[in-house]
Amino acid sequence: MKENPHLEIFIDGHTDSSGSAQKNKTLSRQRANAVANYFI
């Protein structure tokens, strides 16, 4: 990544079908943010 700063990366979080749609959306966002923060 440091050698190619123009590289675009898409990070997406996933959940299973248990729980409400809103709760799963929040959980997906939190998981994706955790991965992004790791790379940062």
C-alpha atoms as a PDB file:
ATOM      1  CA  MET A   1       0.000   0.000   0.000  1.00  0.00           C
ATOM      2  CA  LYS A   2       2.824   2.378   0.754  1.00  0.00           C
ATOM      3  CA  GLU A   3       4.377   1.640  -2.636  1.00  0.00           C
ATOM      4  CA  ASN A   4       1.110   2.294  -4.452  1.00  0.00           C
ATOM      5  CA  PRO A   5      -0.779   5.071  -2.641  1.00  0.00           C
ATOM      6  CA  HIS A   6      -3.337   5.334  -5.477  1.00  0.00           C
ATOM      7  CA  LEU A   7      -4.558   1.804  -4.849  1.00  0.00           C
ATOM      8  CA  GLU A   8      -8.259   1.721  -4.013  1.00  0.00           C
ATOM      9  CA  ILE A   9      -9.455  -0.843  -1.487  1.00  0.00           C
ATOM     10  CA  PHE A  10     -13.065  -1.677  -0.687  1.00  0.00           C
ATOM     11  CA  ILE A  11     -13.732  -3.109   2.784  1.00  0.00           C
ATOM     12  CA  ASP A  12     -17.114  -4.612   3.537  1.00  0.00           C
ATOM     13  CA  GLY A  13     -18.460  -6.192   6.717  1.00  0.00           C
ATOM     14  CA  HIS A  14     -20.853  -9.126   6.740  1.00  0.00           C
ATOM     15  CA  THR A  15     -23.287 -10.684   9.201  1.00  0.00           C
ATOM     16  CA  ASP A  16     -25.623 -13.649   9.228  1.00  0.00           C
ATOM     17  CA  SER A  17     -29.410 -13.374   9.094  1.00  0.00           C
ATOM     18  CA  SER A  18     -29.979 -13.470  12.849  1.00  0.00           C
ATOM     19  CA  GLY A  19     -30.944 -10.210  14.510  1.00  0.00           C
ATOM     20  CA  SER A  20     -32.737  -7.199  13.108  1.00  0.00           C
ATOM     21  CA  ALA A  21     -31.710  -5.584   9.843  1.00  0.00           C
ATOM     22  CA  GLN A  22     -30.670  -2.381  11.638  1.00  0.00           C
ATOM     23  CA  LYS A  23     -28.573  -4.280  14.180  1.00  0.00           C
ATOM     24  CA  ASN A  24     -26.870  -6.257  11.398  1.00  0.00           C
ATOM     25  CA  LYS A  25     -26.199  -3.077   9.419  1.00  0.00           C
ATOM     26  CA  THR A  26     -24.562  -1.509  12.470  1.00  0.00           C
ATOM     27  CA  LEU A  27     -22.537  -4.655  13.143  1.00  0.00           C
ATOM     28  CA  SER A  28     -21.387  -4.820   9.501  1.00  0.00           C
ATOM     29  CA  ARG A  29     -20.230  -1.203   9.654  1.00  0.00           C
ATOM     30  CA  GLN A  30     -18.365  -1.816  12.911  1.00  0.00           C
ATOM     31  CA  ARG A  31     -16.602  -4.852  11.453  1.00  0.00           C
ATOM     32  CA  ALA A  32     -15.575  -2.975   8.318  1.00  0.00           C
ATOM     33  CA  ASN A  33     -14.325  -0.042  10.405  1.00  0.00           C
ATOM     34  CA  ALA A  34     -12.267  -2.389  12.582  1.00  0.00           C
ATOM     35  CA  VAL A  35     -10.523  -3.799   9.509  1.00  0.00           C
ATOM     36  CA  ALA A  36      -9.932  -0.322   8.060  1.00  0.00           C
ATOM     37  CA  ASN A  37      -8.498   0.905  11.378  1.00  0.00           C
ATOM     38  CA  TYR A  38      -6.142  -2.077  11.468  1.00  0.00           C
ATOM     39  CA  PHE A  39      -4.694  -1.131   8.086  1.00  0.00           C
ATOM     40  CA  ILE A  40      -4.468   2.555   8.984  1.00  0.00           C
END
